[in-house]
Amino acid sequence: MTRRRRFAPTSEHPAQFSMLPGEAYHALPRPPAALPGSLGCATRVAGLVAYGLDQARIERGRSREDVAARMSDLTGERITRDMLNAMTADSHQGHRFPLQWLPAFVEATGSYELLTQIAELVGAMVLIGQAVIAAKMAEQDRLVAEALAEKRRLARLGGRHA
């Protein structure tokens, strides 16, 4: 009978998600097959804009008027509360959230949900703040490990022990 391998608390479990860049991207879901209509996301975008506006009010005390005014300042375009309301209402199907407003929306609401959800639709991942530094450090660790492995391989070829 084969002995079952036990994992110590400090060892990595095979099912555990790793943040190392070389490994992390393999664990993420692939983008969906590009079937007709499979990437239509108007309803999702409207819902995420509404969610971001609600979170800005609840968590940061920013009204829709405040968000619209801040977005106007940041974009140099006229953006009103009524425009934001129309983009989130089911009854206003023709109103769309312009992509060029996304950075201003994120800054004005403090919500990254719209950005992260749209990225996930195409199999991408958004890293924010300290997660960016952690990912870059992990990438550097991976590069160092690869370089050391190559150095050991070359030393073996040259008859030296590394």
N, C-alpha and C. Protein backbone atom coordinates (compact mmCIF):
# COMPACT_ATOMS: atom_id res chain seq x y z
N MET A 1 0.84 -1.17 0.00
CA MET A 1 0.00 0.00 0.00
C MET A 1 0.89 1.24 0.00
N THR A 2 0.54 2.21 -0.85
CA THR A 2 1.32 3.43 -0.97
C THR A 2 1.06 4.32 0.23
N ARG A 3 2.12 4.85 0.75
CA ARG A 3 2.01 5.73 1.90
C ARG A 3 1.54 7.10 1.43
N ARG A 4 0.56 7.66 2.10
CA ARG A 4 0.03 8.97 1.75
C ARG A 4 0.96 10.06 2.24
N ARG A 5 1.27 10.99 1.37
CA ARG A 5 2.16 12.09 1.72
C ARG A 5 1.41 13.11 2.58
N ARG A 6 2.02 13.49 3.66
CA ARG A 6 1.42 14.51 4.53
C ARG A 6 2.16 15.81 4.30
N PHE A 7 1.44 16.90 4.37
CA PHE A 7 2.03 18.22 4.16
C PHE A 7 2.19 18.93 5.49
N ALA A 8 3.39 19.37 5.74
CA ALA A 8 3.66 20.17 6.94
C ALA A 8 3.04 21.54 6.73
N PRO A 9 2.70 22.26 7.80
CA PRO A 9 2.09 23.57 7.66
C PRO A 9 2.93 24.55 6.83
N THR A 10 4.24 24.34 6.80
CA THR A 10 5.08 25.26 6.05
C THR A 10 5.31 24.83 4.60
N SER A 11 4.92 23.60 4.25
CA SER A 11 5.10 23.17 2.86
C SER A 11 3.88 23.55 2.05
N GLU A 12 4.12 23.76 0.77
CA GLU A 12 3.04 24.19 -0.11
C GLU A 12 2.18 22.99 -0.49
N HIS A 13 0.89 23.12 -0.33
CA HIS A 13 -0.05 22.08 -0.72
C HIS A 13 -0.32 22.22 -2.21
N PRO A 14 -0.41 21.10 -2.96
CA PRO A 14 -0.58 21.20 -4.41
C PRO A 14 -1.85 21.95 -4.83
N ALA A 15 -2.87 21.97 -4.01
CA ALA A 15 -4.10 22.65 -4.37
C ALA A 15 -4.10 24.13 -3.99
N GLN A 16 -3.06 24.55 -3.27
CA GLN A 16 -3.00 25.93 -2.80
C GLN A 16 -2.56 26.86 -3.93
N PHE A 17 -3.23 27.99 -4.08
CA PHE A 17 -2.90 28.99 -5.09
C PHE A 17 -1.60 29.67 -4.71
N SER A 18 -0.69 29.77 -5.66
CA SER A 18 0.59 30.40 -5.42
C SER A 18 0.61 31.77 -6.07
N MET A 19 1.24 32.75 -5.43
CA MET A 19 1.34 34.10 -6.01
C MET A 19 2.60 34.26 -6.85
N LEU A 20 3.41 33.22 -7.00
CA LEU A 20 4.58 33.34 -7.85
C LEU A 20 4.13 33.51 -9.29
N PRO A 21 4.60 34.54 -9.97
CA PRO A 21 4.12 34.84 -11.31
C PRO A 21 4.17 33.67 -12.28
N GLY A 22 5.25 32.88 -12.26
CA GLY A 22 5.34 31.77 -13.19
C GLY A 22 4.28 30.72 -12.95
N GLU A 23 3.81 30.60 -11.72
CA GLU A 23 2.82 29.59 -11.37
C GLU A 23 1.42 30.17 -11.31
N ALA A 24 1.28 31.41 -10.91
CA ALA A 24 -0.03 31.99 -10.67
C ALA A 24 -0.87 32.04 -11.93
N TYR A 25 -0.25 32.34 -13.04
CA TYR A 25 -1.03 32.52 -14.25
C TYR A 25 -1.57 31.21 -14.79
N HIS A 26 -0.93 30.09 -14.44
CA HIS A 26 -1.44 28.81 -14.87
C HIS A 26 -2.68 28.42 -14.06
N ALA A 27 -2.79 28.94 -12.84
CA ALA A 27 -3.91 28.59 -11.98
C ALA A 27 -5.16 29.41 -12.32
N LEU A 28 -4.98 30.50 -13.03
CA LEU A 28 -6.12 31.34 -13.37
C LEU A 28 -6.93 30.74 -14.50
N PRO A 29 -8.24 31.01 -14.51
CA PRO A 29 -9.04 30.50 -15.62
C PRO A 29 -8.65 31.18 -16.92
N ARG A 30 -8.75 30.45 -17.98
CA ARG A 30 -8.46 30.99 -19.30
C ARG A 30 -9.64 31.83 -19.76
N PRO A 31 -9.40 32.76 -20.70
CA PRO A 31 -10.52 33.56 -21.22
C PRO A 31 -11.56 32.64 -21.87
N PRO A 32 -12.80 33.04 -21.83
CA PRO A 32 -13.85 32.20 -22.43
C PRO A 32 -13.65 32.10 -23.93
N ALA A 33 -14.18 31.04 -24.50
CA ALA A 33 -14.15 30.90 -25.95
C ALA A 33 -14.94 32.06 -26.55
N ALA A 34 -14.44 32.59 -27.63
CA ALA A 34 -15.08 33.76 -28.24
C ALA A 34 -16.29 33.32 -29.07
N LEU A 35 -17.31 32.90 -28.38
CA LEU A 35 -18.55 32.52 -29.04
C LEU A 35 -19.40 33.77 -29.25
N PRO A 36 -20.23 33.78 -30.27
CA PRO A 36 -21.07 34.97 -30.50
C PRO A 36 -21.88 35.34 -29.25
N GLY A 37 -21.73 36.57 -28.83
CA GLY A 37 -22.47 37.09 -27.68
C GLY A 37 -21.89 36.73 -26.32
N SER A 38 -20.81 35.94 -26.29
CA SER A 38 -20.28 35.48 -25.01
C SER A 38 -19.60 36.58 -24.20
N LEU A 39 -19.20 37.65 -24.85
CA LEU A 39 -18.54 38.73 -24.12
C LEU A 39 -19.40 39.98 -24.01
N GLY A 40 -20.66 39.87 -24.34
CA GLY A 40 -21.58 40.99 -24.14
C GLY A 40 -21.70 41.24 -22.64
N CYS A 41 -21.33 42.43 -22.21
CA CYS A 41 -21.27 42.66 -20.76
C CYS A 41 -21.95 43.97 -20.36
N ALA A 42 -22.86 44.47 -21.17
CA ALA A 42 -23.51 45.76 -20.87
C ALA A 42 -24.23 45.73 -19.52
N THR A 43 -24.95 44.65 -19.26
CA THR A 43 -25.68 44.55 -17.99
C THR A 43 -24.71 44.46 -16.82
N ARG A 44 -23.64 43.71 -17.01
CA ARG A 44 -22.64 43.57 -15.96
C ARG A 44 -21.98 44.93 -15.67
N VAL A 45 -21.61 45.66 -16.72
CA VAL A 45 -20.98 46.97 -16.54
C VAL A 45 -21.92 47.91 -15.79
N ALA A 46 -23.19 47.94 -16.20
CA ALA A 46 -24.16 48.81 -15.53
C ALA A 46 -24.28 48.45 -14.04
N GLY A 47 -24.31 47.16 -13.75
CA GLY A 47 -24.40 46.71 -12.36
C GLY A 47 -23.16 47.07 -11.57
N LEU A 48 -21.99 46.95 -12.18
CA LEU A 48 -20.74 47.28 -11.49
C LEU A 48 -20.58 48.78 -11.28
N VAL A 49 -21.07 49.58 -12.22
CA VAL A 49 -21.06 51.04 -12.02
C VAL A 49 -21.97 51.39 -10.84
N ALA A 50 -23.16 50.78 -10.82
CA ALA A 50 -24.09 51.02 -9.70
C ALA A 50 -23.46 50.58 -8.38
N TYR A 51 -22.80 49.42 -8.39
CA TYR A 51 -22.14 48.93 -7.18
C TYR A 51 -21.06 49.89 -6.72
N GLY A 52 -20.23 50.35 -7.64
CA GLY A 52 -19.17 51.30 -7.30
C GLY A 52 -19.72 52.59 -6.72
N LEU A 53 -20.81 53.07 -7.29
CA LEU A 53 -21.44 54.29 -6.77
C LEU A 53 -22.00 54.07 -5.37
N ASP A 54 -22.62 52.90 -5.16
CA ASP A 54 -23.16 52.57 -3.83
C ASP A 54 -22.03 52.44 -2.80
N GLN A 55 -20.93 51.78 -3.18
CA GLN A 55 -19.80 51.61 -2.27
C GLN A 55 -19.18 52.97 -1.93
N ALA A 56 -19.11 53.86 -2.91
CA ALA A 56 -18.55 55.19 -2.65
C ALA A 56 -19.40 55.92 -1.61
N ARG A 57 -20.72 55.76 -1.69
CA ARG A 57 -21.62 56.41 -0.73
C ARG A 57 -21.50 55.77 0.64
N ILE A 58 -21.54 54.44 0.68
CA ILE A 58 -21.54 53.72 1.96
C ILE A 58 -20.18 53.82 2.66
N GLU A 59 -19.10 53.54 1.93
CA GLU A 59 -17.78 53.45 2.56
C GLU A 59 -17.03 54.78 2.65
N ARG A 60 -17.34 55.70 1.74
CA ARG A 60 -16.56 56.95 1.69
C ARG A 60 -17.40 58.20 1.82
N GLY A 61 -18.71 58.03 1.92
CA GLY A 61 -19.59 59.18 2.07
C GLY A 61 -19.67 60.07 0.84
N ARG A 62 -19.39 59.51 -0.32
CA ARG A 62 -19.42 60.29 -1.57
C ARG A 62 -20.74 60.04 -2.31
N SER A 63 -21.49 61.10 -2.50
CA SER A 63 -22.76 60.98 -3.23
C SER A 63 -22.49 60.83 -4.71
N ARG A 64 -23.52 60.50 -5.47
CA ARG A 64 -23.38 60.42 -6.92
C ARG A 64 -22.99 61.78 -7.51
N GLU A 65 -23.50 62.85 -6.90
CA GLU A 65 -23.12 64.20 -7.34
C GLU A 65 -21.62 64.43 -7.12
N ASP A 66 -21.12 63.98 -5.95
CA ASP A 66 -19.69 64.12 -5.64
C ASP A 66 -18.84 63.33 -6.64
N VAL A 67 -19.28 62.10 -6.94
CA VAL A 67 -18.53 61.25 -7.87
C VAL A 67 -18.54 61.89 -9.26
N ALA A 68 -19.71 62.36 -9.70
CA ALA A 68 -19.81 62.99 -11.03
C ALA A 68 -18.93 64.24 -11.11
N ALA A 69 -18.93 65.04 -10.07
CA ALA A 69 -18.12 66.25 -10.07
C ALA A 69 -16.63 65.92 -10.10
N ARG A 70 -16.23 64.92 -9.32
CA ARG A 70 -14.82 64.52 -9.31
C ARG A 70 -14.40 63.94 -10.66
N MET A 71 -15.27 63.13 -11.26
CA MET A 71 -14.97 62.56 -12.58
C MET A 71 -14.86 63.67 -13.62
N SER A 72 -15.73 64.68 -13.52
CA SER A 72 -15.68 65.83 -14.44
C SER A 72 -14.34 66.54 -14.32
N ASP A 73 -13.92 66.77 -13.07
CA ASP A 73 -12.62 67.42 -12.84
C ASP A 73 -11.48 66.61 -13.45
N LEU A 74 -11.53 65.31 -13.27
CA LEU A 74 -10.43 64.45 -13.71
C LEU A 74 -10.40 64.26 -15.23
N THR A 75 -11.56 64.23 -15.86
CA THR A 75 -11.60 63.98 -17.30
C THR A 75 -11.64 65.24 -18.14
N GLY A 76 -12.10 66.34 -17.54
CA GLY A 76 -12.30 67.57 -18.32
C GLY A 76 -13.57 67.52 -19.14
N GLU A 77 -14.40 66.50 -18.90
CA GLU A 77 -15.68 66.37 -19.59
C GLU A 77 -16.80 66.66 -18.62
N ARG A 78 -17.94 67.05 -19.15
CA ARG A 78 -19.11 67.30 -18.30
C ARG A 78 -19.76 65.95 -17.98
N ILE A 79 -19.74 65.58 -16.71
CA ILE A 79 -20.37 64.35 -16.24
C ILE A 79 -21.30 64.72 -15.10
N THR A 80 -22.55 64.29 -15.20
CA THR A 80 -23.55 64.65 -14.19
C THR A 80 -24.08 63.42 -13.48
N ARG A 81 -24.73 63.67 -12.36
CA ARG A 81 -25.39 62.58 -11.62
C ARG A 81 -26.41 61.90 -12.50
N ASP A 82 -27.17 62.68 -13.26
CA ASP A 82 -28.20 62.09 -14.13
C ASP A 82 -27.58 61.17 -15.19
N MET A 83 -26.41 61.54 -15.69
CA MET A 83 -25.72 60.68 -16.66
C MET A 83 -25.32 59.36 -16.02
N LEU A 84 -24.79 59.41 -14.82
CA LEU A 84 -24.42 58.18 -14.11
C LEU A 84 -25.65 57.34 -13.80
N ASN A 85 -26.74 58.00 -13.40
CA ASN A 85 -27.97 57.27 -13.11
C ASN A 85 -28.50 56.58 -14.36
N ALA A 86 -28.46 57.26 -15.50
CA ALA A 86 -28.95 56.67 -16.75
C ALA A 86 -28.12 55.44 -17.14
N MET A 87 -26.83 55.48 -16.85
CA MET A 87 -25.96 54.35 -17.21
C MET A 87 -26.18 53.13 -16.33
N THR A 88 -26.81 53.31 -15.21
CA THR A 88 -27.04 52.19 -14.30
C THR A 88 -28.48 51.71 -14.30
N ALA A 89 -29.38 52.42 -14.96
CA ALA A 89 -30.80 52.08 -14.94
C ALA A 89 -31.15 51.06 -16.02
N ASP A 90 -31.93 50.05 -15.65
CA ASP A 90 -32.40 49.05 -16.63
C ASP A 90 -33.29 49.70 -17.69
N SER A 91 -33.97 50.76 -17.31
CA SER A 91 -34.90 51.41 -18.24
C SER A 91 -34.19 52.26 -19.29
N HIS A 92 -32.90 52.49 -19.14
CA HIS A 92 -32.14 53.28 -20.10
C HIS A 92 -31.10 52.39 -20.80
N GLN A 93 -31.58 51.47 -21.62
CA GLN A 93 -30.70 50.50 -22.27
C GLN A 93 -29.68 51.12 -23.21
N GLY A 94 -29.97 52.26 -23.81
CA GLY A 94 -29.06 52.86 -24.77
C GLY A 94 -27.89 53.61 -24.16
N HIS A 95 -27.93 53.83 -22.86
CA HIS A 95 -26.86 54.59 -22.19
C HIS A 95 -25.75 53.64 -21.77
N ARG A 96 -24.52 53.93 -22.21
CA ARG A 96 -23.37 53.08 -21.91
C ARG A 96 -22.33 53.86 -21.13
N PHE A 97 -21.56 53.12 -20.33
CA PHE A 97 -20.47 53.72 -19.57
C PHE A 97 -19.24 53.77 -20.47
N PRO A 98 -18.73 54.97 -20.80
CA PRO A 98 -17.56 55.07 -21.69
C PRO A 98 -16.28 54.58 -21.03
N LEU A 99 -15.52 53.82 -21.77
CA LEU A 99 -14.26 53.29 -21.25
C LEU A 99 -13.31 54.39 -20.80
N GLN A 100 -13.32 55.51 -21.50
CA GLN A 100 -12.37 56.59 -21.13
C GLN A 100 -12.68 57.17 -19.75
N TRP A 101 -13.84 56.87 -19.19
CA TRP A 101 -14.17 57.34 -17.85
C TRP A 101 -13.71 56.38 -16.75
N LEU A 102 -13.29 55.19 -17.12
CA LEU A 102 -12.95 54.18 -16.12
C LEU A 102 -11.89 54.63 -15.11
N PRO A 103 -10.75 55.19 -15.54
CA PRO A 103 -9.77 55.63 -14.53
C PRO A 103 -10.33 56.67 -13.56
N ALA A 104 -11.10 57.63 -14.08
CA ALA A 104 -11.69 58.66 -13.22
C ALA A 104 -12.74 58.05 -12.28
N PHE A 105 -13.49 57.06 -12.78
CA PHE A 105 -14.49 56.39 -11.95
C PHE A 105 -13.82 55.67 -10.79
N VAL A 106 -12.74 54.95 -11.08
CA VAL A 106 -12.02 54.23 -10.03
C VAL A 106 -11.50 55.21 -8.98
N GLU A 107 -10.90 56.30 -9.42
CA GLU A 107 -10.36 57.28 -8.48
C GLU A 107 -11.47 57.95 -7.69
N ALA A 108 -12.57 58.30 -8.35
CA ALA A 108 -13.65 59.04 -7.68
C ALA A 108 -14.43 58.18 -6.70
N THR A 109 -14.57 56.88 -7.00
CA THR A 109 -15.35 56.00 -6.12
C THR A 109 -14.46 55.21 -5.15
N GLY A 110 -13.21 55.01 -5.53
CA GLY A 110 -12.34 54.15 -4.72
C GLY A 110 -12.64 52.68 -4.94
N SER A 111 -13.46 52.35 -5.93
CA SER A 111 -13.86 50.97 -6.20
C SER A 111 -13.14 50.44 -7.43
N TYR A 112 -12.50 49.30 -7.28
CA TYR A 112 -11.79 48.65 -8.39
C TYR A 112 -12.60 47.53 -9.02
N GLU A 113 -13.80 47.29 -8.53
CA GLU A 113 -14.60 46.15 -9.00
C GLU A 113 -14.84 46.16 -10.50
N LEU A 114 -15.20 47.29 -11.07
CA LEU A 114 -15.45 47.36 -12.51
C LEU A 114 -14.19 46.96 -13.27
N LEU A 115 -13.06 47.51 -12.89
CA LEU A 115 -11.80 47.21 -13.56
C LEU A 115 -11.43 45.74 -13.42
N THR A 116 -11.51 45.18 -12.22
CA THR A 116 -11.11 43.79 -12.01
C THR A 116 -12.05 42.81 -12.70
N GLN A 117 -13.34 43.09 -12.67
CA GLN A 117 -14.31 42.18 -13.30
C GLN A 117 -14.15 42.16 -14.82
N ILE A 118 -13.92 43.30 -15.43
CA ILE A 118 -13.73 43.35 -16.87
C ILE A 118 -12.42 42.66 -17.24
N ALA A 119 -11.38 42.84 -16.45
CA ALA A 119 -10.11 42.15 -16.70
C ALA A 119 -10.31 40.64 -16.65
N GLU A 120 -11.09 40.17 -15.68
CA GLU A 120 -11.32 38.73 -15.55
C GLU A 120 -12.08 38.15 -16.74
N LEU A 121 -12.89 38.97 -17.37
CA LEU A 121 -13.63 38.50 -18.56
C LEU A 121 -12.68 38.02 -19.66
N VAL A 122 -11.52 38.60 -19.75
CA VAL A 122 -10.58 38.23 -20.79
C VAL A 122 -9.40 37.42 -20.23
N GLY A 123 -9.55 36.89 -19.02
CA GLY A 123 -8.53 36.05 -18.43
C GLY A 123 -7.36 36.80 -17.83
N ALA A 124 -7.54 38.08 -17.52
CA ALA A 124 -6.48 38.89 -16.95
C ALA A 124 -6.72 39.07 -15.45
N MET A 125 -5.71 39.60 -14.79
CA MET A 125 -5.79 39.83 -13.35
C MET A 125 -5.26 41.23 -13.05
N VAL A 126 -5.94 41.94 -12.18
CA VAL A 126 -5.52 43.28 -11.79
C VAL A 126 -4.89 43.19 -10.41
N LEU A 127 -3.68 43.71 -10.29
CA LEU A 127 -3.01 43.78 -8.99
C LEU A 127 -3.01 45.23 -8.55
N ILE A 128 -3.29 45.45 -7.27
CA ILE A 128 -3.45 46.81 -6.76
C ILE A 128 -2.56 46.99 -5.54
N GLY A 129 -1.88 48.13 -5.50
CA GLY A 129 -1.10 48.50 -4.32
C GLY A 129 0.03 47.55 -4.02
N GLN A 130 0.08 47.05 -2.79
CA GLN A 130 1.16 46.18 -2.31
C GLN A 130 1.22 44.86 -3.07
N ALA A 131 0.10 44.43 -3.66
CA ALA A 131 0.10 43.19 -4.44
C ALA A 131 1.01 43.30 -5.65
N VAL A 132 1.16 44.49 -6.20
CA VAL A 132 2.06 44.71 -7.33
C VAL A 132 3.50 44.48 -6.89
N ILE A 133 3.87 45.02 -5.75
CA ILE A 133 5.23 44.86 -5.23
C ILE A 133 5.49 43.39 -4.91
N ALA A 134 4.53 42.72 -4.28
CA ALA A 134 4.69 41.30 -3.95
C ALA A 134 4.87 40.47 -5.22
N ALA A 135 4.11 40.75 -6.25
CA ALA A 135 4.24 40.01 -7.51
C ALA A 135 5.59 40.26 -8.17
N LYS A 136 6.05 41.51 -8.14
CA LYS A 136 7.35 41.82 -8.73
C LYS A 136 8.49 41.16 -7.94
N MET A 137 8.36 41.13 -6.63
CA MET A 137 9.38 40.47 -5.81
C MET A 137 9.38 38.97 -6.09
N ALA A 138 8.21 38.38 -6.21
CA ALA A 138 8.12 36.95 -6.52
C ALA A 138 8.74 36.65 -7.88
N GLU A 139 8.53 37.53 -8.84
CA GLU A 139 9.14 37.36 -10.16
C GLU A 139 10.66 37.42 -10.05
N GLN A 140 11.18 38.33 -9.27
CA GLN A 140 12.63 38.42 -9.08
C GLN A 140 13.16 37.17 -8.40
N ASP A 141 12.43 36.64 -7.41
CA ASP A 141 12.83 35.40 -6.74
C ASP A 141 12.88 34.25 -7.75
N ARG A 142 11.91 34.20 -8.64
CA ARG A 142 11.86 33.16 -9.66
C ARG A 142 13.06 33.28 -10.60
N LEU A 143 13.37 34.51 -11.01
CA LEU A 143 14.52 34.72 -11.90
C LEU A 143 15.83 34.32 -11.23
N VAL A 144 15.98 34.64 -9.95
CA VAL A 144 17.18 34.26 -9.21
C VAL A 144 17.28 32.74 -9.13
N ALA A 145 16.18 32.07 -8.84
CA ALA A 145 16.18 30.60 -8.75
C ALA A 145 16.55 29.98 -10.09
N GLU A 146 16.03 30.53 -11.18
CA GLU A 146 16.38 30.03 -12.51
C GLU A 146 17.86 30.25 -12.81
N ALA A 147 18.38 31.41 -12.45
CA ALA A 147 19.79 31.71 -12.69
C ALA A 147 20.69 30.77 -11.89
N LEU A 148 20.32 30.52 -10.63
CA LEU A 148 21.11 29.60 -9.81
C LEU A 148 21.07 28.19 -10.36
N ALA A 149 19.91 27.75 -10.82
CA ALA A 149 19.80 26.42 -11.42
C ALA A 149 20.66 26.32 -12.67
N GLU A 150 20.65 27.35 -13.49
CA GLU A 150 21.48 27.36 -14.70
C GLU A 150 22.96 27.36 -14.33
N LYS A 151 23.33 28.09 -13.30
CA LYS A 151 24.73 28.13 -12.84
C LYS A 151 25.16 26.75 -12.37
N ARG A 152 24.31 26.05 -11.62
CA ARG A 152 24.62 24.69 -11.17
C ARG A 152 24.76 23.74 -12.36
N ARG A 153 23.89 23.87 -13.35
CA ARG A 153 23.95 23.03 -14.54
C ARG A 153 25.27 23.24 -15.27
N LEU A 154 25.64 24.51 -15.45
CA LEU A 154 26.90 24.83 -16.14
C LEU A 154 28.10 24.32 -15.35
N ALA A 155 28.05 24.41 -14.04
CA ALA A 155 29.15 23.93 -13.20
C ALA A 155 29.30 22.42 -13.37
N ARG A 156 28.19 21.68 -13.43
CA ARG A 156 28.24 20.22 -13.63
C ARG A 156 28.85 19.90 -14.99
N LEU A 157 28.48 20.66 -16.02
CA LEU A 157 29.04 20.45 -17.36
C LEU A 157 30.53 20.70 -17.38
N GLY A 158 30.98 21.66 -16.60
CA GLY A 158 32.40 21.99 -16.54
C GLY A 158 33.18 21.14 -15.57
N GLY A 159 32.52 20.18 -14.92
CA GLY A 159 33.21 19.30 -13.99
C GLY A 159 33.43 19.90 -12.62
N ARG A 160 32.80 21.01 -12.35
CA ARG A 160 32.93 21.65 -11.02
C ARG A 160 31.66 21.39 -10.24
N HIS A 161 31.80 21.44 -8.95
CA HIS A 161 30.62 21.30 -8.08
C HIS A 161 30.21 22.67 -7.60
N ALA A 162 28.92 22.99 -7.75
CA ALA A 162 28.43 24.32 -7.37
C ALA A 162 28.03 24.35 -5.92
